[in-house]
N, C-alpha and C. Protein backbone atom coordinates (compact mmCIF):
# COMPACT_ATOMS: atom_id res chain seq x y z
N MET A 1 0.80 -1.20 -0.01
CA MET A 1 0.00 0.01 0.00
C MET A 1 0.85 1.28 -0.01
N PRO A 2 1.94 1.35 0.79
CA PRO A 2 2.78 2.58 0.74
C PRO A 2 3.33 2.82 -0.64
N LEU A 3 3.55 1.75 -1.42
CA LEU A 3 4.11 1.90 -2.76
C LEU A 3 3.21 2.79 -3.61
N TRP A 4 1.92 2.49 -3.64
CA TRP A 4 0.98 3.25 -4.49
C TRP A 4 0.57 4.56 -3.84
N SER A 5 0.66 4.64 -2.51
CA SER A 5 0.40 5.92 -1.88
C SER A 5 1.47 6.95 -2.30
N CYS A 6 2.67 6.48 -2.54
CA CYS A 6 3.78 7.38 -2.89
C CYS A 6 3.93 7.56 -4.39
N PHE A 7 3.73 6.50 -5.18
CA PHE A 7 4.15 6.54 -6.59
C PHE A 7 3.00 6.51 -7.60
N TYR A 8 1.76 6.31 -7.16
CA TYR A 8 0.61 6.36 -8.07
C TYR A 8 0.53 7.74 -8.70
N MET A 9 0.37 7.78 -10.02
CA MET A 9 0.35 9.05 -10.77
C MET A 9 1.62 9.86 -10.50
N ALA A 10 2.74 9.17 -10.31
CA ALA A 10 4.03 9.82 -10.02
C ALA A 10 3.93 10.72 -8.78
N GLY A 11 3.08 10.34 -7.83
CA GLY A 11 2.96 11.08 -6.60
C GLY A 11 2.23 12.38 -6.73
N GLN A 12 1.54 12.61 -7.86
CA GLN A 12 0.89 13.89 -8.14
C GLN A 12 -0.61 13.88 -7.82
N VAL A 13 -0.97 13.19 -6.77
CA VAL A 13 -2.37 13.13 -6.32
C VAL A 13 -2.46 13.89 -5.00
N CYS A 14 -3.55 14.59 -4.79
CA CYS A 14 -3.65 15.41 -3.57
C CYS A 14 -3.56 14.57 -2.30
N THR A 15 -3.91 13.27 -2.41
CA THR A 15 -3.84 12.38 -1.24
C THR A 15 -2.59 11.53 -1.21
N SER A 16 -1.62 11.83 -2.07
CA SER A 16 -0.37 11.06 -2.05
C SER A 16 0.33 11.20 -0.71
N ALA A 17 1.03 10.13 -0.32
CA ALA A 17 1.77 10.14 0.94
C ALA A 17 3.01 11.03 0.81
N GLU A 18 3.17 11.97 1.74
CA GLU A 18 4.30 12.88 1.72
C GLU A 18 5.39 12.48 2.73
N ARG A 19 5.00 11.72 3.74
CA ARG A 19 5.96 11.22 4.73
C ARG A 19 5.49 9.84 5.18
N ILE A 20 6.46 8.96 5.47
CA ILE A 20 6.15 7.63 5.99
C ILE A 20 6.86 7.46 7.32
N LEU A 21 6.09 7.26 8.38
CA LEU A 21 6.66 7.08 9.72
C LEU A 21 6.66 5.57 10.00
N VAL A 22 7.86 5.02 10.23
CA VAL A 22 8.01 3.59 10.35
C VAL A 22 8.65 3.23 11.71
N HIS A 23 8.00 2.30 12.42
CA HIS A 23 8.51 1.88 13.72
C HIS A 23 9.91 1.25 13.56
N SER A 24 10.75 1.56 14.52
CA SER A 24 12.14 1.08 14.46
C SER A 24 12.23 -0.44 14.41
N ALA A 25 11.24 -1.14 14.98
CA ALA A 25 11.28 -2.62 15.00
C ALA A 25 11.17 -3.21 13.59
N VAL A 26 10.55 -2.52 12.67
CA VAL A 26 10.39 -3.04 11.31
C VAL A 26 11.02 -2.13 10.26
N HIS A 27 11.70 -1.09 10.71
CA HIS A 27 12.22 -0.08 9.80
C HIS A 27 13.11 -0.64 8.70
N ASP A 28 14.12 -1.39 9.08
CA ASP A 28 15.10 -1.86 8.09
C ASP A 28 14.47 -2.81 7.08
N GLU A 29 13.63 -3.70 7.55
CA GLU A 29 12.95 -4.64 6.64
C GLU A 29 12.00 -3.88 5.70
N PHE A 30 11.30 -2.91 6.25
CA PHE A 30 10.39 -2.08 5.44
C PHE A 30 11.14 -1.36 4.34
N VAL A 31 12.25 -0.71 4.70
CA VAL A 31 13.05 0.03 3.75
C VAL A 31 13.56 -0.88 2.65
N GLN A 32 14.03 -2.04 3.02
CA GLN A 32 14.57 -2.99 2.06
C GLN A 32 13.49 -3.40 1.04
N LYS A 33 12.30 -3.72 1.54
CA LYS A 33 11.23 -4.18 0.64
C LYS A 33 10.70 -3.05 -0.22
N LEU A 34 10.51 -1.86 0.35
CA LEU A 34 10.02 -0.74 -0.44
C LEU A 34 11.02 -0.32 -1.50
N THR A 35 12.30 -0.33 -1.12
CA THR A 35 13.35 0.02 -2.07
C THR A 35 13.35 -0.91 -3.27
N ALA A 36 13.23 -2.21 -2.99
CA ALA A 36 13.22 -3.19 -4.09
C ALA A 36 12.03 -3.00 -5.00
N ARG A 37 10.84 -2.75 -4.43
CA ARG A 37 9.65 -2.57 -5.23
C ARG A 37 9.68 -1.26 -6.03
N ALA A 38 10.19 -0.20 -5.42
CA ALA A 38 10.29 1.07 -6.10
C ALA A 38 11.27 1.01 -7.27
N ALA A 39 12.38 0.31 -7.07
CA ALA A 39 13.41 0.21 -8.12
C ALA A 39 12.90 -0.62 -9.28
N ALA A 40 11.92 -1.48 -9.05
CA ALA A 40 11.43 -2.37 -10.11
C ALA A 40 10.25 -1.78 -10.89
N LEU A 41 9.78 -0.60 -10.53
CA LEU A 41 8.64 0.00 -11.23
C LEU A 41 8.98 0.27 -12.68
N THR A 42 8.04 -0.02 -13.56
CA THR A 42 8.21 0.20 -14.97
C THR A 42 7.90 1.66 -15.31
N VAL A 43 8.92 2.38 -15.78
CA VAL A 43 8.77 3.81 -16.09
C VAL A 43 8.57 3.98 -17.59
N GLY A 44 7.61 4.85 -17.98
CA GLY A 44 7.41 5.06 -19.40
C GLY A 44 6.19 5.85 -19.74
N ASP A 45 5.71 5.67 -20.95
CA ASP A 45 4.56 6.37 -21.49
C ASP A 45 3.30 6.03 -20.66
N PRO A 46 2.59 7.04 -20.14
CA PRO A 46 1.42 6.75 -19.33
C PRO A 46 0.26 6.13 -20.13
N LEU A 47 0.32 6.22 -21.46
CA LEU A 47 -0.71 5.60 -22.28
C LEU A 47 -0.43 4.11 -22.54
N ASP A 48 0.75 3.67 -22.16
CA ASP A 48 1.13 2.26 -22.27
C ASP A 48 0.65 1.53 -21.01
N GLU A 49 -0.17 0.50 -21.17
CA GLU A 49 -0.75 -0.19 -20.02
C GLU A 49 0.30 -0.86 -19.13
N SER A 50 1.48 -1.11 -19.65
CA SER A 50 2.52 -1.74 -18.84
C SER A 50 3.27 -0.73 -17.94
N THR A 51 3.05 0.55 -18.20
CA THR A 51 3.74 1.57 -17.42
C THR A 51 3.18 1.68 -16.02
N GLU A 52 4.07 1.74 -15.03
CA GLU A 52 3.69 1.91 -13.63
C GLU A 52 4.05 3.29 -13.08
N LEU A 53 4.94 3.97 -13.73
CA LEU A 53 5.37 5.30 -13.28
C LEU A 53 5.56 6.20 -14.50
N GLY A 54 4.72 7.25 -14.58
CA GLY A 54 4.78 8.15 -15.71
C GLY A 54 5.55 9.41 -15.40
N PRO A 55 5.46 10.43 -16.26
CA PRO A 55 6.24 11.66 -16.10
C PRO A 55 5.61 12.61 -15.08
N VAL A 56 6.41 13.58 -14.70
CA VAL A 56 5.90 14.70 -13.89
C VAL A 56 5.23 15.70 -14.82
N SER A 57 4.15 16.31 -14.36
CA SER A 57 3.29 17.10 -15.25
C SER A 57 3.91 18.39 -15.76
N GLU A 58 4.75 19.05 -14.94
CA GLU A 58 5.29 20.35 -15.33
C GLU A 58 6.77 20.46 -14.98
N LYS A 59 7.48 21.30 -15.71
CA LYS A 59 8.91 21.55 -15.41
C LYS A 59 9.02 22.19 -14.03
N ARG A 60 8.06 23.03 -13.70
CA ARG A 60 8.10 23.71 -12.37
C ARG A 60 8.02 22.69 -11.24
N ILE A 61 7.16 21.71 -11.40
CA ILE A 61 6.99 20.66 -10.38
C ILE A 61 8.27 19.80 -10.31
N LEU A 62 8.82 19.45 -11.47
CA LEU A 62 10.03 18.66 -11.51
C LEU A 62 11.16 19.38 -10.79
N ALA A 63 11.30 20.67 -11.04
CA ALA A 63 12.35 21.45 -10.38
C ALA A 63 12.17 21.47 -8.88
N LYS A 64 10.94 21.50 -8.40
CA LYS A 64 10.67 21.48 -6.95
C LYS A 64 11.03 20.14 -6.37
N ILE A 65 10.71 19.08 -7.06
CA ILE A 65 11.04 17.73 -6.59
C ILE A 65 12.56 17.59 -6.45
N VAL A 66 13.28 18.00 -7.49
CA VAL A 66 14.75 17.89 -7.49
C VAL A 66 15.35 18.71 -6.33
N ALA A 67 14.80 19.93 -6.13
CA ALA A 67 15.29 20.79 -5.05
C ALA A 67 15.04 20.14 -3.67
N HIS A 68 13.89 19.50 -3.51
CA HIS A 68 13.58 18.86 -2.21
C HIS A 68 14.49 17.67 -1.97
N VAL A 69 14.69 16.87 -2.99
CA VAL A 69 15.56 15.70 -2.84
C VAL A 69 17.01 16.12 -2.57
N ASP A 70 17.49 17.14 -3.30
CA ASP A 70 18.85 17.63 -3.07
C ASP A 70 19.01 18.19 -1.68
N ASP A 71 18.00 18.94 -1.21
CA ASP A 71 18.03 19.51 0.14
C ASP A 71 18.10 18.41 1.20
N ALA A 72 17.31 17.36 0.99
CA ALA A 72 17.34 16.25 1.95
C ALA A 72 18.69 15.56 1.96
N ARG A 73 19.24 15.32 0.78
CA ARG A 73 20.56 14.67 0.71
C ARG A 73 21.63 15.54 1.39
N ASP A 74 21.58 16.83 1.12
CA ASP A 74 22.58 17.73 1.69
C ASP A 74 22.50 17.78 3.22
N LYS A 75 21.32 17.52 3.76
CA LYS A 75 21.12 17.60 5.23
C LYS A 75 21.19 16.22 5.90
N GLY A 76 21.63 15.24 5.16
CA GLY A 76 21.96 13.94 5.78
C GLY A 76 21.07 12.78 5.43
N ALA A 77 20.04 12.97 4.61
CA ALA A 77 19.19 11.84 4.21
C ALA A 77 19.94 10.90 3.26
N THR A 78 19.57 9.65 3.27
CA THR A 78 20.18 8.65 2.38
C THR A 78 19.17 8.23 1.32
N ILE A 79 19.58 8.24 0.07
CA ILE A 79 18.72 7.78 -1.01
C ILE A 79 19.04 6.32 -1.26
N THR A 80 18.05 5.45 -1.02
CA THR A 80 18.28 4.01 -1.17
C THR A 80 17.97 3.54 -2.59
N THR A 81 17.21 4.31 -3.34
CA THR A 81 16.99 4.05 -4.76
C THR A 81 16.45 5.33 -5.40
N GLY A 82 16.75 5.52 -6.70
CA GLY A 82 16.23 6.67 -7.43
C GLY A 82 17.04 7.92 -7.21
N GLY A 83 16.34 9.05 -7.36
CA GLY A 83 16.99 10.34 -7.21
C GLY A 83 17.34 11.02 -8.51
N GLY A 84 17.29 10.27 -9.63
CA GLY A 84 17.67 10.82 -10.91
C GLY A 84 16.50 11.26 -11.76
N THR A 85 16.79 12.00 -12.83
CA THR A 85 15.78 12.47 -13.75
C THR A 85 16.18 12.19 -15.19
N SER A 86 15.18 12.17 -16.07
CA SER A 86 15.43 12.04 -17.50
C SER A 86 14.24 12.72 -18.20
N GLY A 87 14.48 13.87 -18.78
CA GLY A 87 13.38 14.63 -19.36
C GLY A 87 12.41 15.02 -18.26
N GLN A 88 11.11 14.70 -18.48
CA GLN A 88 10.10 15.01 -17.47
C GLN A 88 9.90 13.86 -16.47
N PHE A 89 10.73 12.85 -16.56
CA PHE A 89 10.59 11.70 -15.67
C PHE A 89 11.54 11.85 -14.47
N HIS A 90 10.99 11.54 -13.29
CA HIS A 90 11.82 11.48 -12.08
C HIS A 90 11.71 10.07 -11.53
N GLU A 91 12.85 9.48 -11.21
CA GLU A 91 12.85 8.10 -10.73
C GLU A 91 12.09 7.98 -9.41
N ALA A 92 11.48 6.82 -9.20
CA ALA A 92 10.89 6.52 -7.90
C ALA A 92 12.01 6.54 -6.88
N THR A 93 11.85 7.38 -5.87
CA THR A 93 12.94 7.66 -4.94
C THR A 93 12.53 7.34 -3.50
N VAL A 94 13.38 6.61 -2.81
CA VAL A 94 13.15 6.29 -1.41
C VAL A 94 14.26 6.93 -0.59
N LEU A 95 13.91 7.67 0.44
CA LEU A 95 14.88 8.36 1.29
C LEU A 95 14.72 7.92 2.72
N THR A 96 15.82 7.65 3.41
CA THR A 96 15.78 7.35 4.82
C THR A 96 16.55 8.45 5.59
N GLY A 97 16.37 8.44 6.90
CA GLY A 97 17.04 9.44 7.72
C GLY A 97 16.47 10.84 7.53
N VAL A 98 15.18 10.93 7.14
CA VAL A 98 14.53 12.22 6.91
C VAL A 98 14.23 12.87 8.26
N THR A 99 14.56 14.15 8.36
CA THR A 99 14.38 14.89 9.62
C THR A 99 13.56 16.16 9.39
N ARG A 100 13.14 16.75 10.49
CA ARG A 100 12.20 17.87 10.46
C ARG A 100 12.73 19.10 9.76
N ASP A 101 14.06 19.28 9.71
CA ASP A 101 14.61 20.49 9.10
C ASP A 101 14.70 20.41 7.58
N MET A 102 14.27 19.31 7.00
CA MET A 102 14.33 19.13 5.54
C MET A 102 13.04 19.63 4.87
N ARG A 103 13.17 20.23 3.71
CA ARG A 103 12.01 20.73 2.97
C ARG A 103 11.07 19.57 2.63
N ILE A 104 11.61 18.41 2.34
CA ILE A 104 10.79 17.25 1.96
C ILE A 104 9.92 16.78 3.11
N TYR A 105 10.29 17.14 4.33
CA TYR A 105 9.51 16.81 5.55
C TYR A 105 8.40 17.84 5.73
N GLN A 106 8.70 19.10 5.49
CA GLN A 106 7.81 20.20 5.83
C GLN A 106 6.82 20.55 4.73
N GLU A 107 7.20 20.40 3.49
CA GLU A 107 6.41 20.91 2.38
C GLU A 107 5.75 19.80 1.57
N GLU A 108 4.71 20.16 0.80
CA GLU A 108 4.11 19.23 -0.13
C GLU A 108 4.94 19.27 -1.42
N THR A 109 5.37 18.10 -1.85
CA THR A 109 6.23 18.03 -3.02
C THR A 109 5.50 17.54 -4.28
N PHE A 110 4.60 16.61 -4.11
CA PHE A 110 3.82 16.02 -5.21
C PHE A 110 4.75 15.39 -6.24
N GLY A 111 5.58 14.49 -5.79
CA GLY A 111 6.47 13.77 -6.70
C GLY A 111 6.61 12.33 -6.29
N PRO A 112 7.29 11.51 -7.14
CA PRO A 112 7.43 10.07 -6.86
C PRO A 112 8.55 9.80 -5.86
N PHE A 113 8.25 10.01 -4.60
CA PHE A 113 9.28 9.81 -3.59
C PHE A 113 8.62 9.28 -2.31
N ALA A 114 9.43 8.61 -1.49
CA ALA A 114 8.97 8.07 -0.21
C ALA A 114 9.97 8.49 0.87
N PRO A 115 9.71 9.58 1.58
CA PRO A 115 10.59 10.01 2.66
C PRO A 115 10.25 9.26 3.94
N ILE A 116 11.22 8.54 4.48
CA ILE A 116 10.95 7.68 5.64
C ILE A 116 11.56 8.26 6.89
N VAL A 117 10.72 8.31 7.92
CA VAL A 117 11.12 8.82 9.27
C VAL A 117 10.98 7.66 10.25
N LYS A 118 12.07 7.33 10.95
CA LYS A 118 12.02 6.26 11.92
C LYS A 118 11.44 6.75 13.24
N VAL A 119 10.52 5.97 13.83
CA VAL A 119 9.92 6.30 15.12
C VAL A 119 10.02 5.12 16.05
N ASP A 120 9.85 5.38 17.35
CA ASP A 120 9.99 4.31 18.34
C ASP A 120 8.68 3.94 19.02
N SER A 121 7.60 4.64 18.73
CA SER A 121 6.30 4.34 19.37
C SER A 121 5.17 4.97 18.56
N ALA A 122 3.96 4.47 18.82
CA ALA A 122 2.77 5.05 18.20
C ALA A 122 2.56 6.49 18.67
N ALA A 123 2.88 6.75 19.92
CA ALA A 123 2.72 8.12 20.45
C ALA A 123 3.63 9.09 19.71
N GLN A 124 4.86 8.68 19.47
CA GLN A 124 5.79 9.54 18.72
C GLN A 124 5.30 9.73 17.29
N ALA A 125 4.80 8.66 16.67
CA ALA A 125 4.29 8.75 15.32
C ALA A 125 3.12 9.72 15.24
N LEU A 126 2.25 9.70 16.22
CA LEU A 126 1.09 10.60 16.26
C LEU A 126 1.54 12.05 16.34
N THR A 127 2.51 12.31 17.19
CA THR A 127 3.04 13.67 17.36
C THR A 127 3.66 14.16 16.05
N LEU A 128 4.48 13.34 15.44
CA LEU A 128 5.15 13.75 14.21
C LEU A 128 4.19 13.87 13.03
N ALA A 129 3.18 13.01 12.99
CA ALA A 129 2.20 13.07 11.90
C ALA A 129 1.42 14.37 11.95
N ASN A 130 1.14 14.83 13.16
CA ASN A 130 0.39 16.09 13.31
C ASN A 130 1.30 17.32 13.23
N ASP A 131 2.61 17.08 13.17
CA ASP A 131 3.57 18.20 13.08
C ASP A 131 3.72 18.61 11.64
N ALA A 132 2.66 19.14 11.06
CA ALA A 132 2.64 19.54 9.66
C ALA A 132 1.59 20.60 9.46
N ASP A 133 1.74 21.39 8.42
CA ASP A 133 0.75 22.43 8.09
C ASP A 133 -0.43 21.86 7.32
N TYR A 134 -0.34 20.58 6.96
CA TYR A 134 -1.37 19.98 6.12
C TYR A 134 -2.00 18.77 6.79
N GLY A 135 -3.22 18.43 6.38
CA GLY A 135 -3.88 17.28 6.96
C GLY A 135 -5.05 16.83 6.13
N LEU A 136 -4.77 16.29 4.95
CA LEU A 136 -5.86 15.84 4.05
C LEU A 136 -6.16 14.36 4.27
N SER A 137 -5.16 13.53 4.03
CA SER A 137 -5.36 12.09 4.10
C SER A 137 -4.17 11.43 4.80
N MET A 138 -4.43 10.57 5.75
CA MET A 138 -3.38 9.83 6.44
C MET A 138 -3.75 8.35 6.53
N ALA A 139 -2.77 7.51 6.75
CA ALA A 139 -2.99 6.07 6.83
C ALA A 139 -2.24 5.49 8.01
N VAL A 140 -2.81 4.46 8.61
CA VAL A 140 -2.18 3.77 9.73
C VAL A 140 -2.17 2.28 9.44
N PHE A 141 -1.01 1.66 9.60
CA PHE A 141 -0.90 0.22 9.43
C PHE A 141 -0.53 -0.39 10.75
N THR A 142 -1.45 -1.22 11.29
CA THR A 142 -1.24 -1.80 12.61
C THR A 142 -2.09 -3.03 12.77
N SER A 143 -1.65 -3.97 13.60
CA SER A 143 -2.48 -5.15 13.93
C SER A 143 -3.18 -4.95 15.26
N SER A 144 -2.99 -3.78 15.87
CA SER A 144 -3.62 -3.47 17.18
C SER A 144 -4.86 -2.60 16.98
N LEU A 145 -6.00 -3.11 17.42
CA LEU A 145 -7.23 -2.29 17.34
C LEU A 145 -7.14 -1.06 18.22
N THR A 146 -6.46 -1.19 19.36
CA THR A 146 -6.29 -0.05 20.26
C THR A 146 -5.52 1.05 19.57
N THR A 147 -4.40 0.68 18.94
CA THR A 147 -3.60 1.66 18.20
C THR A 147 -4.40 2.28 17.07
N ALA A 148 -5.14 1.45 16.36
CA ALA A 148 -5.95 1.95 15.23
C ALA A 148 -6.94 2.98 15.70
N TYR A 149 -7.65 2.74 16.78
CA TYR A 149 -8.63 3.69 17.28
C TYR A 149 -7.97 4.96 17.80
N GLU A 150 -6.90 4.78 18.56
CA GLU A 150 -6.21 5.96 19.13
C GLU A 150 -5.65 6.86 18.04
N MET A 151 -5.05 6.25 17.02
CA MET A 151 -4.47 7.03 15.94
C MET A 151 -5.57 7.70 15.09
N SER A 152 -6.62 6.98 14.80
CA SER A 152 -7.67 7.56 13.98
C SER A 152 -8.35 8.73 14.68
N GLU A 153 -8.44 8.65 16.00
CA GLU A 153 -9.02 9.76 16.77
C GLU A 153 -8.06 10.94 16.87
N GLY A 154 -6.78 10.64 16.99
CA GLY A 154 -5.81 11.68 17.26
C GLY A 154 -5.23 12.37 16.04
N LEU A 155 -5.27 11.72 14.89
CA LEU A 155 -4.67 12.30 13.68
C LEU A 155 -5.48 13.49 13.17
N GLN A 156 -4.80 14.57 12.89
CA GLN A 156 -5.45 15.78 12.41
C GLN A 156 -5.53 15.74 10.89
N ALA A 157 -6.49 14.96 10.39
CA ALA A 157 -6.65 14.77 8.95
C ALA A 157 -8.13 14.56 8.65
N GLY A 158 -8.52 14.96 7.43
CA GLY A 158 -9.90 14.80 7.04
C GLY A 158 -10.28 13.38 6.75
N ALA A 159 -9.31 12.54 6.42
CA ALA A 159 -9.55 11.11 6.15
C ALA A 159 -8.41 10.30 6.73
N VAL A 160 -8.75 9.22 7.42
CA VAL A 160 -7.76 8.32 7.98
C VAL A 160 -8.12 6.89 7.54
N ALA A 161 -7.19 6.24 6.85
CA ALA A 161 -7.39 4.85 6.42
C ALA A 161 -6.61 3.92 7.32
N ILE A 162 -7.27 2.86 7.77
CA ILE A 162 -6.60 1.87 8.62
C ILE A 162 -6.25 0.67 7.75
N ASN A 163 -4.95 0.36 7.68
CA ASN A 163 -4.42 -0.74 6.87
C ASN A 163 -4.79 -0.63 5.41
N ALA A 164 -4.83 0.59 4.93
CA ALA A 164 -5.02 0.88 3.52
C ALA A 164 -4.24 2.16 3.22
N GLY A 165 -3.98 2.42 1.94
CA GLY A 165 -3.14 3.57 1.61
C GLY A 165 -3.88 4.90 1.67
N THR A 166 -3.12 5.98 1.59
CA THR A 166 -3.70 7.32 1.67
C THR A 166 -4.61 7.64 0.47
N ASN A 167 -4.40 6.93 -0.63
CA ASN A 167 -5.26 7.15 -1.81
C ASN A 167 -6.51 6.27 -1.76
N ASP A 168 -6.68 5.46 -0.74
CA ASP A 168 -7.82 4.55 -0.65
C ASP A 168 -8.92 5.11 0.25
N TRP A 169 -9.33 6.34 -0.02
CA TRP A 169 -10.36 6.96 0.81
C TRP A 169 -11.74 6.59 0.28
N GLU A 170 -12.75 6.73 1.16
CA GLU A 170 -14.12 6.32 0.85
C GLU A 170 -14.78 7.36 -0.06
N LEU A 171 -15.16 6.92 -1.28
CA LEU A 171 -15.71 7.83 -2.26
C LEU A 171 -17.05 8.43 -1.84
N GLY A 172 -17.81 7.68 -1.02
CA GLY A 172 -19.12 8.16 -0.61
C GLY A 172 -19.09 9.04 0.62
N GLY A 173 -17.96 9.15 1.23
CA GLY A 173 -17.85 9.93 2.47
C GLY A 173 -17.42 11.38 2.20
N PRO A 174 -17.48 12.24 3.21
CA PRO A 174 -17.04 13.63 3.02
C PRO A 174 -15.53 13.68 2.77
N PHE A 175 -15.14 14.60 1.90
CA PHE A 175 -13.73 14.73 1.52
C PHE A 175 -13.25 16.15 1.76
N GLY A 176 -12.19 16.29 2.54
CA GLY A 176 -11.62 17.59 2.84
C GLY A 176 -10.58 17.43 3.93
N GLY A 177 -9.92 18.52 4.28
CA GLY A 177 -8.80 18.38 5.20
C GLY A 177 -8.81 19.29 6.38
N TYR A 178 -7.70 19.28 7.10
CA TYR A 178 -7.45 20.14 8.25
C TYR A 178 -6.38 21.15 7.88
N LYS A 179 -6.29 22.22 8.61
CA LYS A 179 -5.24 23.21 8.46
C LYS A 179 -5.14 23.71 7.02
N LYS A 180 -3.95 23.75 6.43
CA LYS A 180 -3.79 24.29 5.07
C LYS A 180 -4.36 23.39 3.98
N SER A 181 -4.88 22.21 4.38
CA SER A 181 -5.50 21.34 3.40
C SER A 181 -6.94 21.74 3.14
N GLY A 182 -7.40 22.80 3.78
CA GLY A 182 -8.71 23.34 3.42
C GLY A 182 -9.74 23.31 4.53
N ILE A 183 -10.81 24.02 4.29
CA ILE A 183 -11.96 24.10 5.22
C ILE A 183 -13.18 23.61 4.48
N GLY A 184 -14.04 22.86 5.17
CA GLY A 184 -15.24 22.36 4.52
C GLY A 184 -15.01 20.99 3.90
N ARG A 185 -16.08 20.41 3.40
CA ARG A 185 -16.01 19.06 2.85
C ARG A 185 -16.72 18.98 1.51
N GLU A 186 -16.18 18.14 0.64
CA GLU A 186 -16.80 17.81 -0.63
C GLU A 186 -17.32 16.37 -0.53
N LEU A 187 -18.21 16.01 -1.41
CA LEU A 187 -18.77 14.66 -1.52
C LEU A 187 -19.67 14.34 -0.32
N GLY A 188 -20.56 13.40 -0.53
CA GLY A 188 -21.45 12.95 0.58
C GLY A 188 -22.41 14.04 1.03
N ASP A 189 -23.08 13.77 2.13
CA ASP A 189 -24.07 14.67 2.70
C ASP A 189 -23.45 16.02 3.11
N ASP A 190 -22.18 15.98 3.57
CA ASP A 190 -21.54 17.20 3.99
C ASP A 190 -21.36 18.19 2.85
N ALA A 191 -21.20 17.70 1.63
CA ALA A 191 -21.08 18.58 0.47
C ALA A 191 -22.41 19.29 0.21
N LEU A 192 -23.53 18.61 0.39
CA LEU A 192 -24.83 19.21 0.18
C LEU A 192 -25.07 20.32 1.20
N ARG A 193 -24.57 20.13 2.40
CA ARG A 193 -24.77 21.15 3.43
C ARG A 193 -24.08 22.47 3.08
N ALA A 194 -23.04 22.40 2.27
CA ALA A 194 -22.37 23.62 1.87
C ALA A 194 -23.26 24.53 1.02
N PHE A 195 -24.30 23.94 0.41
CA PHE A 195 -25.22 24.71 -0.40
C PHE A 195 -26.58 24.91 0.32
N THR A 196 -26.58 24.66 1.61
CA THR A 196 -27.81 24.73 2.37
C THR A 196 -27.76 25.86 3.39
N ASN A 197 -28.78 26.68 3.42
CA ASN A 197 -28.89 27.70 4.45
C ASN A 197 -29.83 27.20 5.54
N VAL A 198 -29.28 26.90 6.67
CA VAL A 198 -30.03 26.29 7.77
C VAL A 198 -30.66 27.37 8.61
N LYS A 199 -31.94 27.19 8.94
CA LYS A 199 -32.66 28.15 9.78
C LYS A 199 -33.21 27.43 11.03
N THR A 200 -33.03 28.06 12.16
CA THR A 200 -33.59 27.56 13.42
C THR A 200 -34.81 28.40 13.76
N VAL A 201 -35.96 27.74 13.99
CA VAL A 201 -37.21 28.41 14.34
C VAL A 201 -37.64 27.91 15.70
N SER A 202 -37.83 28.82 16.66
CA SER A 202 -38.27 28.44 18.00
C SER A 202 -39.71 28.91 18.21
N PHE A 203 -40.58 28.07 18.77
CA PHE A 203 -41.96 28.41 19.04
C PHE A 203 -42.20 28.49 20.53
N THR A 204 -42.89 29.50 20.93
CA THR A 204 -43.42 29.55 22.28
C THR A 204 -44.95 29.57 22.17
N LEU A 205 -45.59 28.52 22.62
CA LEU A 205 -47.04 28.42 22.48
C LEU A 205 -47.76 29.22 23.54
N LEU A 206 -48.76 30.04 23.15
CA LEU A 206 -49.55 30.85 24.07
C LEU A 206 -50.86 30.18 24.39
């Protein structure tokens, strides 16, 4: 699921994963497996059905992606795969050792990358997940129902998926975010309320 949360549509979806917080107990294995899958993605023409990773939409976006990756590398992040470009294509890139002072941690990049942050507990993950100016879609992977409920309640996001990717949100439910991800909701009953003027009428019977 993290693979497509990061690399679907070359990461250019509003609900694409911008950071991945991984528990230290599974961090190394997770990085190894994600790196291998990212490196094996078929890059090419988006009209070709065999293509798994297409181009970046604009030169401006590509330049931003390159700047974020370079900034992360300069500040100590390790690129386990990818990092290169060819024309409008940017390789699927996995970064470890990502820290709060990096642009790739703080800003929305909208590119094919997976910035990984190591954590030691669910509580730390919750704090770091909410340490952002954005909150549209988040995902939690856990075998603990307690952790699932606590994280879903505590995460400051308009949509939280449990054991599914950030792009796997419910189409029939309200869609919108917290903080700089917007105010109000689209889709579902909440979208209809945006076009409704509600009136309260109180009666006192004589």
